[in-house]
C-alpha cells in the first residue's frame, strides 16, 4: 500500500510541474491520489492544488474540496 501511495504522489508531483500536463493523465493521477485521501499529506496536497496556476489542477482541487466537505 505504501508503495502505491508513493507512486501516486510521485506521478502527481511530476504532472503538476509540467507546463502543459496531459488532462487524462492528471485525472487518473487525481483519482489515484484520492484513494489515499485519509492520509494528511494527500489531503493537504489536494487542498493546496486550488491555488495552482494550471486551470485543470485548480478544477481538480475544487472538485476534491467539494467531494470531501465535512
PDB file of N, CA and C in Angstrom:
ATOM      1  N   UNK A   1       0.826  -1.197   0.000  1.00  0.00           N
ATOM      2  CA  UNK A   1       0.000   0.000   0.000  1.00  0.00           C
ATOM      3  C   UNK A   1       0.867   1.257   0.000  1.00  0.00           C
ATOM      4  N   UNK A   2       1.896   1.312   0.831  1.00  0.00           N
ATOM      5  CA  UNK A   2       2.755   2.496   0.886  1.00  0.00           C
ATOM      6  C   UNK A   2       3.438   2.739  -0.455  1.00  0.00           C
ATOM      7  N   UNK A   3       3.804   1.673  -1.127  1.00  0.00           N
ATOM      8  CA  UNK A   3       4.448   1.821  -2.433  1.00  0.00           C
ATOM      9  C   UNK A   3       3.485   2.472  -3.428  1.00  0.00           C
ATOM     10  N   UNK A   4       2.228   2.072  -3.378  1.00  0.00           N
ATOM     11  CA  UNK A   4       1.225   2.675  -4.261  1.00  0.00           C
ATOM     12  C   UNK A   4       1.024   4.151  -3.955  1.00  0.00           C
ATOM     13  N   UNK A   5       1.041   4.489  -2.683  1.00  0.00           N
ATOM     14  CA  UNK A   5       0.918   5.891  -2.287  1.00  0.00           C
ATOM     15  C   UNK A   5       2.109   6.688  -2.807  1.00  0.00           C
ATOM     16  N   UNK A   6       3.308   6.161  -2.640  1.00  0.00           N
ATOM     17  CA  UNK A   6       4.498   6.863  -3.112  1.00  0.00           C
ATOM     18  C   UNK A   6       4.474   7.040  -4.633  1.00  0.00           C
ATOM     19  N   UNK A   7       4.022   6.035  -5.336  1.00  0.00           N
ATOM     20  CA  UNK A   7       3.912   6.137  -6.803  1.00  0.00           C
ATOM     21  C   UNK A   7       2.892   7.195  -7.199  1.00  0.00           C
ATOM     22  N   UNK A   8       1.764   7.223  -6.510  1.00  0.00           N
ATOM     23  CA  UNK A   8       0.728   8.208  -6.806  1.00  0.00           C
ATOM     24  C   UNK A   8       1.220   9.627  -6.523  1.00  0.00           C
ATOM     25  N   UNK A   9       1.899   9.806  -5.407  1.00  0.00           N
ATOM     26  CA  UNK A   9       2.442  11.124  -5.069  1.00  0.00           C
ATOM     27  C   UNK A   9       3.497  11.560  -6.080  1.00  0.00           C
ATOM     28  N   UNK A  10       4.350  10.654  -6.450  1.00  0.00           N
ATOM     29  CA  UNK A  10       5.408  10.956  -7.402  1.00  0.00           C
ATOM     30  C   UNK A  10       4.828  11.361  -8.763  1.00  0.00           C
ATOM     31  N   UNK A  11       3.854  10.611  -9.223  1.00  0.00           N
ATOM     32  CA  UNK A  11       3.227  10.901 -10.521  1.00  0.00           C
ATOM     33  C   UNK A  11       2.525  12.259 -10.480  1.00  0.00           C
ATOM     34  N   UNK A  12       1.785  12.540  -9.413  1.00  0.00           N
ATOM     35  CA  UNK A  12       1.077  13.813  -9.272  1.00  0.00           C
ATOM     36  C   UNK A  12       2.067  14.974  -9.297  1.00  0.00           C
ATOM     37  N   UNK A  13       3.131  14.850  -8.493  1.00  0.00           N
ATOM     38  CA  UNK A  13       4.122  15.925  -8.422  1.00  0.00           C
ATOM     39  C   UNK A  13       4.793  16.153  -9.768  1.00  0.00           C
ATOM     40  N   UNK A  14       5.030  15.079 -10.483  1.00  0.00           N
ATOM     41  CA  UNK A  14       5.631  15.200 -11.814  1.00  0.00           C
ATOM     42  C   UNK A  14       4.688  15.935 -12.760  1.00  0.00           C
ATOM     43  N   UNK A  15       3.428  15.578 -12.736  1.00  0.00           N
ATOM     44  CA  UNK A  15       2.454  16.199 -13.639  1.00  0.00           C
ATOM     45  C   UNK A  15       2.228  17.677 -13.319  1.00  0.00           C
ATOM     46  N   UNK A  16       2.122  18.030 -12.049  1.00  0.00           N
ATOM     47  CA  UNK A  16       1.832  19.422 -11.701  1.00  0.00           C
ATOM     48  C   UNK A  16       3.010  20.344 -11.989  1.00  0.00           C
ATOM     49  N   UNK A  17       4.189  19.789 -12.162  1.00  0.00           N
ATOM     50  CA  UNK A  17       5.346  20.608 -12.508  1.00  0.00           C
ATOM     51  C   UNK A  17       5.455  20.866 -14.007  1.00  0.00           C
ATOM     52  N   UNK A  18       4.711  20.121 -14.802  1.00  0.00           N
ATOM     53  CA  UNK A  18       4.754  20.299 -16.255  1.00  0.00           C
ATOM     54  C   UNK A  18       4.031  21.572 -16.657  1.00  0.00           C
ATOM     55  N   UNK A  19       4.493  22.172 -17.732  1.00  0.00           N
ATOM     56  CA  UNK A  19       3.842  23.376 -18.225  1.00  0.00           C
ATOM     57  C   UNK A  19       2.454  23.065 -18.772  1.00  0.00           C
ATOM     58  N   UNK A  20       2.347  21.983 -19.525  1.00  0.00           N
ATOM     59  CA  UNK A  20       1.062  21.558 -20.092  1.00  0.00           C
ATOM     60  C   UNK A  20       0.866  20.061 -19.896  1.00  0.00           C
ATOM     61  N   UNK A  21       0.466  19.669 -18.692  1.00  0.00           N
ATOM     62  CA  UNK A  21       0.268  18.239 -18.444  1.00  0.00           C
ATOM     63  C   UNK A  21      -0.952  17.710 -19.198  1.00  0.00           C
ATOM     64  N   UNK A  22      -0.887  16.449 -19.546  1.00  0.00           N
ATOM     65  CA  UNK A  22      -1.994  15.778 -20.216  1.00  0.00           C
ATOM     66  C   UNK A  22      -3.188  15.701 -19.266  1.00  0.00           C
ATOM     67  N   UNK A  23      -4.351  16.138 -19.733  1.00  0.00           N
ATOM     68  CA  UNK A  23      -5.536  16.182 -18.869  1.00  0.00           C
ATOM     69  C   UNK A  23      -5.974  14.794 -18.421  1.00  0.00           C
ATOM     70  N   UNK A  24      -5.887  13.816 -19.308  1.00  0.00           N
ATOM     71  CA  UNK A  24      -6.271  12.451 -18.921  1.00  0.00           C
ATOM     72  C   UNK A  24      -5.339  11.901 -17.849  1.00  0.00           C
ATOM     73  N   UNK A  25      -4.049  12.164 -18.006  1.00  0.00           N
ATOM     74  CA  UNK A  25      -3.074  11.704 -17.017  1.00  0.00           C
ATOM     75  C   UNK A  25      -3.307  12.395 -15.680  1.00  0.00           C
ATOM     76  N   UNK A  26      -3.644  13.689 -15.718  1.00  0.00           N
ATOM     77  CA  UNK A  26      -3.957  14.415 -14.478  1.00  0.00           C
ATOM     78  C   UNK A  26      -5.177  13.820 -13.787  1.00  0.00           C
ATOM     79  N   UNK A  27      -6.210  13.546 -14.566  1.00  0.00           N
ATOM     80  CA  UNK A  27      -7.432  12.965 -14.000  1.00  0.00           C
ATOM     81  C   UNK A  27      -7.164  11.623 -13.346  1.00  0.00           C
ATOM     82  N   UNK A  28      -6.359  10.784 -14.007  1.00  0.00           N
ATOM     83  CA  UNK A  28      -6.026   9.477 -13.444  1.00  0.00           C
ATOM     84  C   UNK A  28      -5.183   9.642 -12.179  1.00  0.00           C
ATOM     85  N   UNK A  29      -4.197  10.533 -12.226  1.00  0.00           N
ATOM     86  CA  UNK A  29      -3.354  10.760 -11.055  1.00  0.00           C
ATOM     87  C   UNK A  29      -4.184  11.281  -9.884  1.00  0.00           C
ATOM     88  N   UNK A  30      -5.152  12.150 -10.175  1.00  0.00           N
ATOM     89  CA  UNK A  30      -6.032  12.673  -9.140  1.00  0.00           C
ATOM     90  C   UNK A  30      -6.837  11.544  -8.502  1.00  0.00           C
ATOM     91  N   UNK A  31      -7.386  10.671  -9.330  1.00  0.00           N
ATOM     92  CA  UNK A  31      -8.162   9.543  -8.802  1.00  0.00           C
ATOM     93  C   UNK A  31      -7.291   8.617  -7.970  1.00  0.00           C
ATOM     94  N   UNK A  32      -6.055   8.396  -8.430  1.00  0.00           N
ATOM     95  CA  UNK A  32      -5.132   7.550  -7.671  1.00  0.00           C
ATOM     96  C   UNK A  32      -4.839   8.159  -6.305  1.00  0.00           C
ATOM     97  N   UNK A  33      -4.628   9.477  -6.271  1.00  0.00           N
ATOM     98  CA  UNK A  33      -4.358  10.150  -5.003  1.00  0.00           C
ATOM     99  C   UNK A  33      -5.595  10.173  -4.112  1.00  0.00           C
ATOM    100  N   UNK A  34      -6.750  10.377  -4.702  1.00  0.00           N
ATOM    101  CA  UNK A  34      -7.987  10.460  -3.921  1.00  0.00           C
ATOM    102  C   UNK A  34      -8.234   9.163  -3.140  1.00  0.00           C
ATOM    103  N   UNK A  35      -7.716   8.056  -3.628  1.00  0.00           N
ATOM    104  CA  UNK A  35      -7.835   6.774  -2.921  1.00  0.00           C
ATOM    105  C   UNK A  35      -7.160   6.853  -1.551  1.00  0.00           C
ATOM    106  N   UNK A  36      -6.133   7.714  -1.432  1.00  0.00           N
ATOM    107  CA  UNK A  36      -5.371   7.848  -0.192  1.00  0.00           C
ATOM    108  C   UNK A  36      -5.726   9.125   0.562  1.00  0.00           C
ATOM    109  N   UNK A  37      -6.915   9.637   0.355  1.00  0.00           N
ATOM    110  CA  UNK A  37      -7.300  10.927   0.929  1.00  0.00           C
ATOM    111  C   UNK A  37      -7.297  10.926   2.457  1.00  0.00           C
ATOM    112  N   UNK A  38      -7.335   9.764   3.053  1.00  0.00           N
ATOM    113  CA  UNK A  38      -7.296   9.697   4.517  1.00  0.00           C
ATOM    114  C   UNK A  38      -5.904  10.015   5.071  1.00  0.00           C
ATOM    115  N   UNK A  39      -4.925  10.111   4.202  1.00  0.00           N
ATOM    116  CA  UNK A  39      -3.569  10.472   4.615  1.00  0.00           C
ATOM    117  C   UNK A  39      -3.431  11.993   4.619  1.00  0.00           C
ATOM    118  N   UNK A  40      -2.968  12.569   5.704  1.00  0.00           N
ATOM    119  CA  UNK A  40      -2.856  14.030   5.790  1.00  0.00           C
ATOM    120  C   UNK A  40      -2.031  14.663   4.666  1.00  0.00           C
ATOM    121  N   UNK A  41      -0.967  14.006   4.245  1.00  0.00           N
ATOM    122  CA  UNK A  41      -0.134  14.575   3.182  1.00  0.00           C
ATOM    123  C   UNK A  41      -0.910  14.693   1.872  1.00  0.00           C
ATOM    124  N   UNK A  42      -1.749  13.722   1.589  1.00  0.00           N
ATOM    125  CA  UNK A  42      -2.541  13.737   0.363  1.00  0.00           C
ATOM    126  C   UNK A  42      -3.647  14.778   0.470  1.00  0.00           C
ATOM    127  N   UNK A  43      -4.335  14.807   1.584  1.00  0.00           N
ATOM    128  CA  UNK A  43      -5.405  15.793   1.779  1.00  0.00           C
ATOM    129  C   UNK A  43      -4.854  17.211   1.651  1.00  0.00           C
ATOM    130  N   UNK A  44      -3.692  17.459   2.240  1.00  0.00           N
ATOM    131  CA  UNK A  44      -3.073  18.781   2.155  1.00  0.00           C
ATOM    132  C   UNK A  44      -2.665  19.111   0.720  1.00  0.00           C
ATOM    133  N   UNK A  45      -2.065  18.159   0.047  1.00  0.00           N
ATOM    134  CA  UNK A  45      -1.636  18.356  -1.337  1.00  0.00           C
ATOM    135  C   UNK A  45      -2.818  18.688  -2.243  1.00  0.00           C
ATOM    136  N   UNK A  46      -3.895  17.945  -2.114  1.00  0.00           N
ATOM    137  CA  UNK A  46      -5.070  18.186  -2.948  1.00  0.00           C
ATOM    138  C   UNK A  46      -5.759  19.494  -2.572  1.00  0.00           C
ATOM    139  N   UNK A  47      -5.774  19.830  -1.310  1.00  0.00           N
ATOM    140  CA  UNK A  47      -6.374  21.100  -0.884  1.00  0.00           C
ATOM    141  C   UNK A  47      -5.600  22.293  -1.428  1.00  0.00           C
ATOM    142  N   UNK A  48      -4.276  22.193  -1.420  1.00  0.00           N
ATOM    143  CA  UNK A  48      -3.454  23.300  -1.914  1.00  0.00           C
ATOM    144  C   UNK A  48      -3.490  23.441  -3.429  1.00  0.00           C
ATOM    145  N   UNK A  49      -3.958  22.432  -4.128  1.00  0.00           N
ATOM    146  CA  UNK A  49      -3.973  22.493  -5.586  1.00  0.00           C
ATOM    147  C   UNK A  49      -4.936  23.556  -6.119  1.00  0.00           C
ATOM    148  N   UNK A  50      -5.837  24.069  -5.280  1.00  0.00           N
ATOM    149  CA  UNK A  50      -6.771  25.103  -5.745  1.00  0.00           C
ATOM    150  C   UNK A  50      -6.063  26.420  -6.043  1.00  0.00           C
ATOM    151  N   UNK A  51      -4.815  26.552  -5.637  1.00  0.00           N
ATOM    152  CA  UNK A  51      -4.065  27.777  -5.915  1.00  0.00           C
ATOM    153  C   UNK A  51      -3.042  27.581  -7.031  1.00  0.00           C
ATOM    154  N   UNK A  52      -3.054  26.433  -7.680  1.00  0.00           N
ATOM    155  CA  UNK A  52      -2.085  26.151  -8.737  1.00  0.00           C
ATOM    156  C   UNK A  52      -2.371  27.010  -9.961  1.00  0.00           C
ATOM    157  N   UNK A  53      -1.347  27.318 -10.729  1.00  0.00           N
ATOM    158  CA  UNK A  53      -1.506  28.162 -11.920  1.00  0.00           C
ATOM    159  C   UNK A  53      -2.236  27.461 -13.059  1.00  0.00           C
ATOM    160  N   UNK A  54      -2.228  26.125 -13.071  1.00  0.00           N
ATOM    161  CA  UNK A  54      -2.895  25.354 -14.123  1.00  0.00           C
ATOM    162  C   UNK A  54      -4.387  25.220 -13.795  1.00  0.00           C
ATOM    163  N   UNK A  55      -5.236  25.606 -14.732  1.00  0.00           N
ATOM    164  CA  UNK A  55      -6.686  25.598 -14.507  1.00  0.00           C
ATOM    165  C   UNK A  55      -7.224  24.191 -14.241  1.00  0.00           C
ATOM    166  N   UNK A  56      -6.700  23.196 -14.920  1.00  0.00           N
ATOM    167  CA  UNK A  56      -7.163  21.815 -14.724  1.00  0.00           C
ATOM    168  C   UNK A  56      -6.844  21.354 -13.301  1.00  0.00           C
ATOM    169  N   UNK A  57      -5.658  21.674 -12.827  1.00  0.00           N
ATOM    170  CA  UNK A  57      -5.268  21.281 -11.472  1.00  0.00           C
ATOM    171  C   UNK A  57      -6.131  22.008 -10.449  1.00  0.00           C
ATOM    172  N   UNK A  58      -6.393  23.289 -10.678  1.00  0.00           N
ATOM    173  CA  UNK A  58      -7.290  24.030  -9.774  1.00  0.00           C
ATOM    174  C   UNK A  58      -8.673  23.406  -9.755  1.00  0.00           C
ATOM    175  N   UNK A  59      -9.178  23.051 -10.918  1.00  0.00           N
ATOM    176  CA  UNK A  59     -10.513  22.443 -11.011  1.00  0.00           C
ATOM    177  C   UNK A  59     -10.556  21.122 -10.236  1.00  0.00           C
ATOM    178  N   UNK A  60      -9.504  20.318 -10.357  1.00  0.00           N
ATOM    179  CA  UNK A  60      -9.444  19.062  -9.607  1.00  0.00           C
ATOM    180  C   UNK A  60      -9.380  19.326  -8.108  1.00  0.00           C
ATOM    181  N   UNK A  61      -8.659  20.371  -7.716  1.00  0.00           N
ATOM    182  CA  UNK A  61      -8.596  20.744  -6.304  1.00  0.00           C
ATOM    183  C   UNK A  61      -9.960  21.139  -5.760  1.00  0.00           C
ATOM    184  N   UNK A  62     -10.682  21.938  -6.523  1.00  0.00           N
ATOM    185  CA  UNK A  62     -12.031  22.329  -6.096  1.00  0.00           C
ATOM    186  C   UNK A  62     -12.972  21.130  -6.071  1.00  0.00           C
ATOM    187  N   UNK A  63     -12.797  20.224  -7.031  1.00  0.00           N
ATOM    188  CA  UNK A  63     -13.608  19.002  -7.039  1.00  0.00           C
ATOM    189  C   UNK A  63     -13.337  18.199  -5.775  1.00  0.00           C
ATOM    190  N   UNK A  64     -12.070  18.073  -5.416  1.00  0.00           N
ATOM    191  CA  UNK A  64     -11.704  17.353  -4.187  1.00  0.00           C
ATOM    192  C   UNK A  64     -12.380  18.002  -2.981  1.00  0.00           C
ATOM    193  N   UNK A  65     -12.277  19.321  -2.890  1.00  0.00           N
ATOM    194  CA  UNK A  65     -12.868  20.025  -1.733  1.00  0.00           C
ATOM    195  C   UNK A  65     -14.384  19.831  -1.688  1.00  0.00           C
ATOM    196  N   UNK A  66     -15.046  19.879  -2.827  1.00  0.00           N
ATOM    197  CA  UNK A  66     -16.490  19.712  -2.875  1.00  0.00           C
ATOM    198  C   UNK A  66     -16.900  18.315  -2.446  1.00  0.00           C
ATOM    199  N   UNK A  67     -16.118  17.329  -2.849  1.00  0.00           N
ATOM    200  CA  UNK A  67     -16.452  15.938  -2.520  1.00  0.00           C
ATOM    201  C   UNK A  67     -16.107  15.562  -1.078  1.00  0.00           C
ATOM    202  N   UNK A  68     -15.269  16.352  -0.435  1.00  0.00           N
ATOM    203  CA  UNK A  68     -14.795  15.984   0.904  1.00  0.00           C
ATOM    204  C   UNK A  68     -15.134  17.015   1.961  1.00  0.00           C
ATOM    205  N   UNK A  69     -16.238  17.697   1.777  1.00  0.00           N
ATOM    206  CA  UNK A  69     -16.693  18.658   2.810  1.00  0.00           C
ATOM    207  C   UNK A  69     -17.117  17.888   4.044  1.00  0.00           C
ATOM    208  N   UNK A  70     -16.826  18.488   5.176  1.00  0.00           N
ATOM    209  CA  UNK A  70     -17.197  17.811   6.438  1.00  0.00           C
ATOM    210  C   UNK A  70     -18.297  18.545   7.123  1.00  0.00           C
TER     211      UNK A  70
END
